[in-house]
Amino acid sequence: MAKFSSRSDFGTTTVEIEDGEEVTTTRRSQEQVLNIIKYATMEVFVCVEQIIRKYRRSVLEYAMYHRERGKHDTYEQYIHLVACHCLTHANFLAPSVDYPLVDFYDDEQPFRLDAFTGIVEEREEEEEGEGI
C-alpha cells in the first residue's frame, strides 16, 4: 500500500478573499484523486477490522444497527457507515473452506406407500365431521 507523506499527496487547497468572502479552491491531479480513493479504502478496512475485533460474534447486528441509524456528516462518520455497509453485505465465509453437503439419508430409502395413508384418512374424517 502506498504511504502518503503529506497533504499535497491529495491535492492543493488555496483560500482567497474575494469581495470580503473566503473562496476555497481545490486542485487535484488524476494521481491525487487515486491517492484519495486508496486512502479512504484503507480507512474502511481499518474501521472494519476494529469493529470485528471489538464485537466479534455480534458484528452483523452491530453493522446493521449502525447502517440503519448511521450519519455521514463528517469523514469519520462516513467511513464508519461505509464499513457497516461492507460488513452487512459480506458473506462472513473464510476462503478455501469446504462445507460438505449434509445427507438426509446415507442410503436410499424404499418408497412406502402407507406413509401417507394415515394423513389421508385423518383428513377424510375431518371433512366428514364438518359436513354434518
N, C-alpha and C. Protein backbone atom coordinates (compact mmCIF):
# COMPACT_ATOMS: atom_id res chain seq x y z
N MET A 1 0.85 -1.17 0.00
CA MET A 1 0.00 0.00 0.00
C MET A 1 0.89 1.23 0.00
N ALA A 2 0.48 2.20 -0.75
CA ALA A 2 1.28 3.43 -0.85
C ALA A 2 1.26 4.18 0.47
N LYS A 3 2.37 4.75 0.81
CA LYS A 3 2.46 5.58 2.01
C LYS A 3 2.37 7.03 1.57
N PHE A 4 1.56 7.77 2.25
CA PHE A 4 1.37 9.17 1.92
C PHE A 4 2.12 10.00 2.95
N SER A 5 2.91 10.95 2.47
CA SER A 5 3.78 11.69 3.39
C SER A 5 3.27 13.08 3.72
N SER A 6 2.44 13.65 2.88
CA SER A 6 1.96 15.00 3.18
C SER A 6 0.58 15.22 2.55
N ARG A 7 -0.04 16.31 2.94
CA ARG A 7 -1.36 16.64 2.41
C ARG A 7 -1.31 16.91 0.90
N SER A 8 -0.15 17.29 0.41
CA SER A 8 -0.04 17.58 -1.03
C SER A 8 -0.22 16.32 -1.88
N ASP A 9 -0.14 15.14 -1.25
CA ASP A 9 -0.40 13.89 -1.98
C ASP A 9 -1.87 13.79 -2.40
N PHE A 10 -2.73 14.62 -1.78
CA PHE A 10 -4.16 14.57 -2.03
C PHE A 10 -4.69 15.79 -2.78
N GLY A 11 -3.84 16.74 -3.09
CA GLY A 11 -4.27 17.93 -3.82
C GLY A 11 -3.85 19.18 -3.07
N THR A 12 -4.04 20.30 -3.72
CA THR A 12 -3.71 21.58 -3.08
C THR A 12 -4.97 22.39 -2.89
N THR A 13 -5.05 23.02 -1.74
CA THR A 13 -6.20 23.84 -1.42
C THR A 13 -5.71 25.26 -1.17
N THR A 14 -6.34 26.20 -1.81
CA THR A 14 -5.99 27.60 -1.59
C THR A 14 -7.23 28.35 -1.14
N VAL A 15 -7.03 29.26 -0.22
CA VAL A 15 -8.13 30.09 0.28
C VAL A 15 -7.81 31.53 -0.11
N GLU A 16 -8.71 32.15 -0.82
CA GLU A 16 -8.53 33.52 -1.25
C GLU A 16 -9.70 34.36 -0.76
N ILE A 17 -9.45 35.62 -0.58
CA ILE A 17 -10.51 36.54 -0.17
C ILE A 17 -10.94 37.32 -1.41
N GLU A 18 -12.19 37.16 -1.78
CA GLU A 18 -12.75 37.89 -2.91
C GLU A 18 -14.01 38.60 -2.44
N ASP A 19 -14.03 39.89 -2.60
CA ASP A 19 -15.18 40.71 -2.20
C ASP A 19 -15.54 40.50 -0.73
N GLY A 20 -14.54 40.33 0.11
CA GLY A 20 -14.75 40.18 1.55
C GLY A 20 -15.16 38.78 1.98
N GLU A 21 -15.24 37.83 1.05
CA GLU A 21 -15.63 36.46 1.40
C GLU A 21 -14.50 35.50 1.07
N GLU A 22 -14.41 34.45 1.89
CA GLU A 22 -13.40 33.42 1.63
C GLU A 22 -13.87 32.50 0.51
N VAL A 23 -12.99 32.24 -0.42
CA VAL A 23 -13.27 31.31 -1.51
C VAL A 23 -12.20 30.23 -1.47
N THR A 24 -12.63 28.98 -1.31
CA THR A 24 -11.70 27.86 -1.24
C THR A 24 -11.66 27.17 -2.60
N THR A 25 -10.46 26.99 -3.11
CA THR A 25 -10.27 26.32 -4.39
C THR A 25 -9.39 25.10 -4.18
N THR A 26 -9.84 23.96 -4.69
CA THR A 26 -9.07 22.72 -4.57
C THR A 26 -8.69 22.24 -5.96
N ARG A 27 -7.42 21.91 -6.11
CA ARG A 27 -6.94 21.38 -7.39
C ARG A 27 -6.33 20.01 -7.15
N ARG A 28 -6.74 19.05 -8.01
CA ARG A 28 -6.22 17.68 -7.87
C ARG A 28 -5.90 17.11 -9.23
N SER A 29 -4.82 16.36 -9.28
CA SER A 29 -4.47 15.63 -10.50
C SER A 29 -5.13 14.25 -10.43
N GLN A 30 -5.06 13.50 -11.52
CA GLN A 30 -5.60 12.13 -11.53
C GLN A 30 -4.92 11.28 -10.47
N GLU A 31 -3.62 11.43 -10.32
CA GLU A 31 -2.88 10.66 -9.33
C GLU A 31 -3.34 11.00 -7.92
N GLN A 32 -3.61 12.26 -7.67
CA GLN A 32 -4.07 12.66 -6.34
C GLN A 32 -5.47 12.14 -6.06
N VAL A 33 -6.32 12.10 -7.06
CA VAL A 33 -7.66 11.52 -6.89
C VAL A 33 -7.54 10.04 -6.54
N LEU A 34 -6.67 9.32 -7.23
CA LEU A 34 -6.44 7.90 -6.91
C LEU A 34 -5.89 7.74 -5.50
N ASN A 35 -5.01 8.64 -5.07
CA ASN A 35 -4.49 8.59 -3.70
C ASN A 35 -5.61 8.73 -2.68
N ILE A 36 -6.56 9.62 -2.95
CA ILE A 36 -7.70 9.81 -2.05
C ILE A 36 -8.52 8.52 -1.96
N ILE A 37 -8.78 7.89 -3.10
CA ILE A 37 -9.56 6.65 -3.12
C ILE A 37 -8.82 5.54 -2.38
N LYS A 38 -7.52 5.42 -2.61
CA LYS A 38 -6.73 4.40 -1.91
C LYS A 38 -6.75 4.63 -0.41
N TYR A 39 -6.57 5.86 0.00
CA TYR A 39 -6.53 6.19 1.43
C TYR A 39 -7.88 5.90 2.09
N ALA A 40 -8.97 6.32 1.45
CA ALA A 40 -10.30 6.09 2.02
C ALA A 40 -10.61 4.60 2.10
N THR A 41 -10.22 3.83 1.09
CA THR A 41 -10.43 2.38 1.11
C THR A 41 -9.67 1.74 2.25
N MET A 42 -8.44 2.19 2.45
CA MET A 42 -7.63 1.68 3.56
C MET A 42 -8.30 2.01 4.90
N GLU A 43 -8.85 3.22 5.01
CA GLU A 43 -9.54 3.62 6.24
C GLU A 43 -10.76 2.74 6.50
N VAL A 44 -11.49 2.38 5.45
CA VAL A 44 -12.66 1.50 5.61
C VAL A 44 -12.22 0.14 6.14
N PHE A 45 -11.14 -0.42 5.59
CA PHE A 45 -10.65 -1.72 6.06
C PHE A 45 -10.18 -1.65 7.51
N VAL A 46 -9.55 -0.56 7.89
CA VAL A 46 -9.11 -0.39 9.29
C VAL A 46 -10.33 -0.33 10.20
N CYS A 47 -11.35 0.41 9.79
CA CYS A 47 -12.57 0.51 10.59
C CYS A 47 -13.27 -0.84 10.71
N VAL A 48 -13.35 -1.58 9.60
CA VAL A 48 -13.96 -2.91 9.62
C VAL A 48 -13.22 -3.82 10.59
N GLU A 49 -11.90 -3.78 10.54
CA GLU A 49 -11.11 -4.63 11.44
C GLU A 49 -11.36 -4.27 12.90
N GLN A 50 -11.45 -2.98 13.21
CA GLN A 50 -11.71 -2.56 14.58
C GLN A 50 -13.09 -3.03 15.05
N ILE A 51 -14.08 -2.94 14.18
CA ILE A 51 -15.43 -3.40 14.53
C ILE A 51 -15.42 -4.90 14.79
N ILE A 52 -14.76 -5.66 13.92
CA ILE A 52 -14.70 -7.12 14.07
C ILE A 52 -14.00 -7.50 15.36
N ARG A 53 -12.89 -6.84 15.66
CA ARG A 53 -12.14 -7.17 16.88
C ARG A 53 -12.95 -6.85 18.14
N LYS A 54 -13.73 -5.78 18.10
CA LYS A 54 -14.46 -5.38 19.30
C LYS A 54 -15.76 -6.18 19.48
N TYR A 55 -16.49 -6.41 18.41
CA TYR A 55 -17.83 -7.01 18.55
C TYR A 55 -17.91 -8.48 18.18
N ARG A 56 -16.88 -9.06 17.68
CA ARG A 56 -16.73 -10.48 17.36
C ARG A 56 -18.01 -11.17 16.89
N ARG A 57 -18.77 -11.76 17.78
CA ARG A 57 -19.93 -12.58 17.38
C ARG A 57 -21.16 -11.76 17.01
N SER A 58 -21.18 -10.50 17.36
CA SER A 58 -22.35 -9.69 17.03
C SER A 58 -22.02 -8.62 15.99
N VAL A 59 -21.08 -8.91 15.12
CA VAL A 59 -20.64 -7.96 14.10
C VAL A 59 -21.80 -7.60 13.17
N LEU A 60 -22.54 -8.59 12.71
CA LEU A 60 -23.61 -8.33 11.77
C LEU A 60 -24.70 -7.46 12.39
N GLU A 61 -25.07 -7.75 13.63
CA GLU A 61 -26.09 -6.95 14.31
C GLU A 61 -25.61 -5.51 14.47
N TYR A 62 -24.34 -5.35 14.88
CA TYR A 62 -23.76 -4.02 15.03
C TYR A 62 -23.79 -3.27 13.70
N ALA A 63 -23.35 -3.93 12.65
CA ALA A 63 -23.28 -3.27 11.34
C ALA A 63 -24.67 -2.89 10.83
N MET A 64 -25.64 -3.77 10.99
CA MET A 64 -27.00 -3.46 10.55
C MET A 64 -27.60 -2.31 11.35
N TYR A 65 -27.37 -2.32 12.66
CA TYR A 65 -27.88 -1.26 13.53
C TYR A 65 -27.33 0.10 13.11
N HIS A 66 -26.01 0.18 12.94
CA HIS A 66 -25.40 1.46 12.61
C HIS A 66 -25.61 1.85 11.15
N ARG A 67 -25.84 0.89 10.30
CA ARG A 67 -26.14 1.22 8.91
C ARG A 67 -27.50 1.89 8.81
N GLU A 68 -28.46 1.39 9.60
CA GLU A 68 -29.80 1.97 9.58
C GLU A 68 -29.85 3.33 10.25
N ARG A 69 -29.01 3.55 11.26
CA ARG A 69 -29.04 4.79 12.02
C ARG A 69 -27.82 5.67 11.77
N GLY A 70 -26.99 5.27 10.82
CA GLY A 70 -25.72 5.95 10.60
C GLY A 70 -25.86 7.37 10.07
N LYS A 71 -24.91 8.17 10.44
CA LYS A 71 -24.82 9.54 9.94
C LYS A 71 -23.59 9.63 9.05
N HIS A 72 -23.58 10.62 8.21
CA HIS A 72 -22.40 10.82 7.37
C HIS A 72 -22.10 12.32 7.25
N ASP A 73 -22.15 13.00 8.39
CA ASP A 73 -21.87 14.43 8.40
C ASP A 73 -20.37 14.72 8.35
N THR A 74 -19.57 13.83 8.90
CA THR A 74 -18.12 14.02 8.91
C THR A 74 -17.45 12.87 8.16
N TYR A 75 -16.17 13.03 7.89
CA TYR A 75 -15.40 11.99 7.21
C TYR A 75 -15.42 10.70 8.02
N GLU A 76 -15.19 10.81 9.33
CA GLU A 76 -15.16 9.62 10.19
C GLU A 76 -16.50 8.90 10.19
N GLN A 77 -17.59 9.65 10.26
CA GLN A 77 -18.91 9.03 10.25
C GLN A 77 -19.18 8.34 8.91
N TYR A 78 -18.74 8.96 7.83
CA TYR A 78 -18.95 8.37 6.51
C TYR A 78 -18.15 7.08 6.35
N ILE A 79 -16.90 7.07 6.79
CA ILE A 79 -16.07 5.86 6.72
C ILE A 79 -16.72 4.75 7.56
N HIS A 80 -17.22 5.09 8.74
CA HIS A 80 -17.89 4.11 9.61
C HIS A 80 -19.13 3.56 8.93
N LEU A 81 -19.92 4.43 8.30
CA LEU A 81 -21.12 3.99 7.60
C LEU A 81 -20.79 3.05 6.44
N VAL A 82 -19.77 3.38 5.67
CA VAL A 82 -19.35 2.52 4.55
C VAL A 82 -18.84 1.18 5.09
N ALA A 83 -18.10 1.20 6.19
CA ALA A 83 -17.62 -0.04 6.80
C ALA A 83 -18.80 -0.92 7.23
N CYS A 84 -19.83 -0.32 7.79
CA CYS A 84 -21.01 -1.09 8.20
C CYS A 84 -21.74 -1.65 6.98
N HIS A 85 -21.81 -0.90 5.89
CA HIS A 85 -22.39 -1.42 4.65
C HIS A 85 -21.60 -2.64 4.17
N CYS A 86 -20.29 -2.53 4.20
CA CYS A 86 -19.44 -3.65 3.75
C CYS A 86 -19.65 -4.88 4.62
N LEU A 87 -19.71 -4.69 5.93
CA LEU A 87 -19.91 -5.82 6.83
C LEU A 87 -21.28 -6.46 6.64
N THR A 88 -22.29 -5.64 6.39
CA THR A 88 -23.64 -6.17 6.21
C THR A 88 -23.73 -7.03 4.95
N HIS A 89 -23.03 -6.63 3.91
CA HIS A 89 -23.11 -7.36 2.64
C HIS A 89 -22.04 -8.43 2.48
N ALA A 90 -21.18 -8.60 3.48
CA ALA A 90 -20.15 -9.64 3.41
C ALA A 90 -20.78 -10.99 3.72
N ASN A 91 -20.18 -12.05 3.20
CA ASN A 91 -20.70 -13.39 3.43
C ASN A 91 -20.17 -14.03 4.69
N PHE A 92 -19.15 -13.47 5.30
CA PHE A 92 -18.53 -14.00 6.51
C PHE A 92 -18.07 -15.44 6.34
N LEU A 93 -17.62 -15.79 5.17
CA LEU A 93 -17.08 -17.12 4.92
C LEU A 93 -15.58 -17.03 4.71
N ALA A 94 -14.86 -17.87 5.40
CA ALA A 94 -13.41 -17.88 5.23
C ALA A 94 -13.07 -18.47 3.86
N PRO A 95 -12.01 -18.00 3.25
CA PRO A 95 -11.64 -18.55 1.94
C PRO A 95 -11.17 -20.00 2.04
N SER A 96 -11.38 -20.75 1.00
CA SER A 96 -10.94 -22.15 0.88
C SER A 96 -11.54 -23.06 1.96
N VAL A 97 -12.72 -22.72 2.43
CA VAL A 97 -13.39 -23.58 3.41
C VAL A 97 -14.45 -24.36 2.66
N ASP A 98 -14.46 -25.67 2.86
CA ASP A 98 -15.41 -26.54 2.19
C ASP A 98 -16.47 -26.96 3.20
N TYR A 99 -17.72 -26.73 2.84
CA TYR A 99 -18.82 -27.15 3.69
C TYR A 99 -19.51 -28.32 3.01
N PRO A 100 -19.25 -29.56 3.46
CA PRO A 100 -19.83 -30.72 2.80
C PRO A 100 -21.35 -30.74 2.95
N LEU A 101 -22.00 -31.28 1.96
CA LEU A 101 -23.44 -31.39 1.95
C LEU A 101 -23.89 -32.34 3.05
N VAL A 102 -24.94 -31.96 3.76
CA VAL A 102 -25.49 -32.83 4.80
C VAL A 102 -26.46 -33.79 4.12
N ASP A 103 -26.16 -35.08 4.20
CA ASP A 103 -27.01 -36.08 3.58
C ASP A 103 -28.22 -36.35 4.46
N PHE A 104 -29.39 -36.35 3.83
CA PHE A 104 -30.61 -36.62 4.57
C PHE A 104 -30.64 -38.09 5.01
N TYR A 105 -30.25 -38.96 4.10
CA TYR A 105 -30.11 -40.38 4.41
C TYR A 105 -28.79 -40.85 3.84
N ASP A 106 -28.15 -41.78 4.54
CA ASP A 106 -26.93 -42.36 4.00
C ASP A 106 -27.24 -43.29 2.84
N ASP A 107 -28.31 -44.07 2.98
CA ASP A 107 -28.73 -45.00 1.93
C ASP A 107 -30.12 -44.58 1.45
N GLU A 108 -30.38 -44.84 0.19
CA GLU A 108 -31.70 -44.51 -0.35
C GLU A 108 -32.75 -45.39 0.31
N GLN A 109 -33.80 -44.76 0.77
CA GLN A 109 -34.87 -45.47 1.46
C GLN A 109 -35.92 -45.93 0.46
N PRO A 110 -36.50 -47.12 0.67
CA PRO A 110 -37.55 -47.59 -0.24
C PRO A 110 -38.82 -46.75 -0.04
N PHE A 111 -39.56 -46.57 -1.13
CA PHE A 111 -40.80 -45.80 -1.06
C PHE A 111 -41.83 -46.59 -0.28
N ARG A 112 -42.47 -45.95 0.67
CA ARG A 112 -43.50 -46.59 1.49
C ARG A 112 -44.85 -46.01 1.12
N LEU A 113 -45.65 -46.80 0.47
CA LEU A 113 -46.97 -46.34 0.04
C LEU A 113 -47.86 -46.00 1.23
N ASP A 114 -47.68 -46.71 2.34
CA ASP A 114 -48.53 -46.50 3.51
C ASP A 114 -48.12 -45.26 4.32
N ALA A 115 -47.06 -44.58 3.92
CA ALA A 115 -46.59 -43.44 4.70
C ALA A 115 -47.63 -42.32 4.72
N PHE A 116 -48.42 -42.17 3.67
CA PHE A 116 -49.39 -41.08 3.61
C PHE A 116 -50.81 -41.51 3.93
N THR A 117 -51.05 -42.79 4.13
CA THR A 117 -52.43 -43.25 4.34
C THR A 117 -53.02 -42.70 5.62
N GLY A 118 -52.25 -42.62 6.66
CA GLY A 118 -52.77 -42.08 7.92
C GLY A 118 -53.18 -40.63 7.78
N ILE A 119 -52.44 -39.88 7.01
CA ILE A 119 -52.74 -38.46 6.83
C ILE A 119 -54.03 -38.31 6.02
N VAL A 120 -54.17 -39.10 4.97
CA VAL A 120 -55.36 -39.02 4.12
C VAL A 120 -56.59 -39.42 4.91
N GLU A 121 -56.52 -40.49 5.68
CA GLU A 121 -57.66 -40.94 6.46
C GLU A 121 -58.08 -39.89 7.48
N GLU A 122 -57.13 -39.24 8.14
CA GLU A 122 -57.46 -38.22 9.13
C GLU A 122 -58.17 -37.04 8.47
N ARG A 123 -57.70 -36.64 7.29
CA ARG A 123 -58.30 -35.52 6.58
C ARG A 123 -59.73 -35.86 6.15
N GLU A 124 -59.95 -37.09 5.68
CA GLU A 124 -61.29 -37.50 5.26
C GLU A 124 -62.25 -37.51 6.45
N GLU A 125 -61.78 -37.95 7.60
CA GLU A 125 -62.62 -37.97 8.79
C GLU A 125 -62.99 -36.55 9.21
N GLU A 126 -62.04 -35.60 9.11
CA GLU A 126 -62.32 -34.21 9.46
C GLU A 126 -63.35 -33.61 8.52
N GLU A 127 -63.22 -33.90 7.21
CA GLU A 127 -64.17 -33.37 6.23
C GLU A 127 -65.56 -33.95 6.45
N GLU A 128 -65.66 -35.24 6.79
CA GLU A 128 -66.96 -35.87 7.05
C GLU A 128 -67.60 -35.24 8.28
N GLY A 129 -66.79 -34.94 9.29
CA GLY A 129 -67.31 -34.33 10.51
C GLY A 129 -67.82 -32.92 10.27
N GLU A 130 -67.23 -32.18 9.35
CA GLU A 130 -67.64 -30.81 9.06
C GLU A 130 -68.93 -30.79 8.25
N GLY A 131 -69.15 -31.83 7.43
CA GLY A 131 -70.32 -31.88 6.55
C GLY A 131 -71.61 -32.18 7.31
N ILE A 132 -71.56 -32.58 8.55
CA ILE A 132 -72.76 -32.97 9.29
C ILE A 132 -73.50 -31.77 9.78
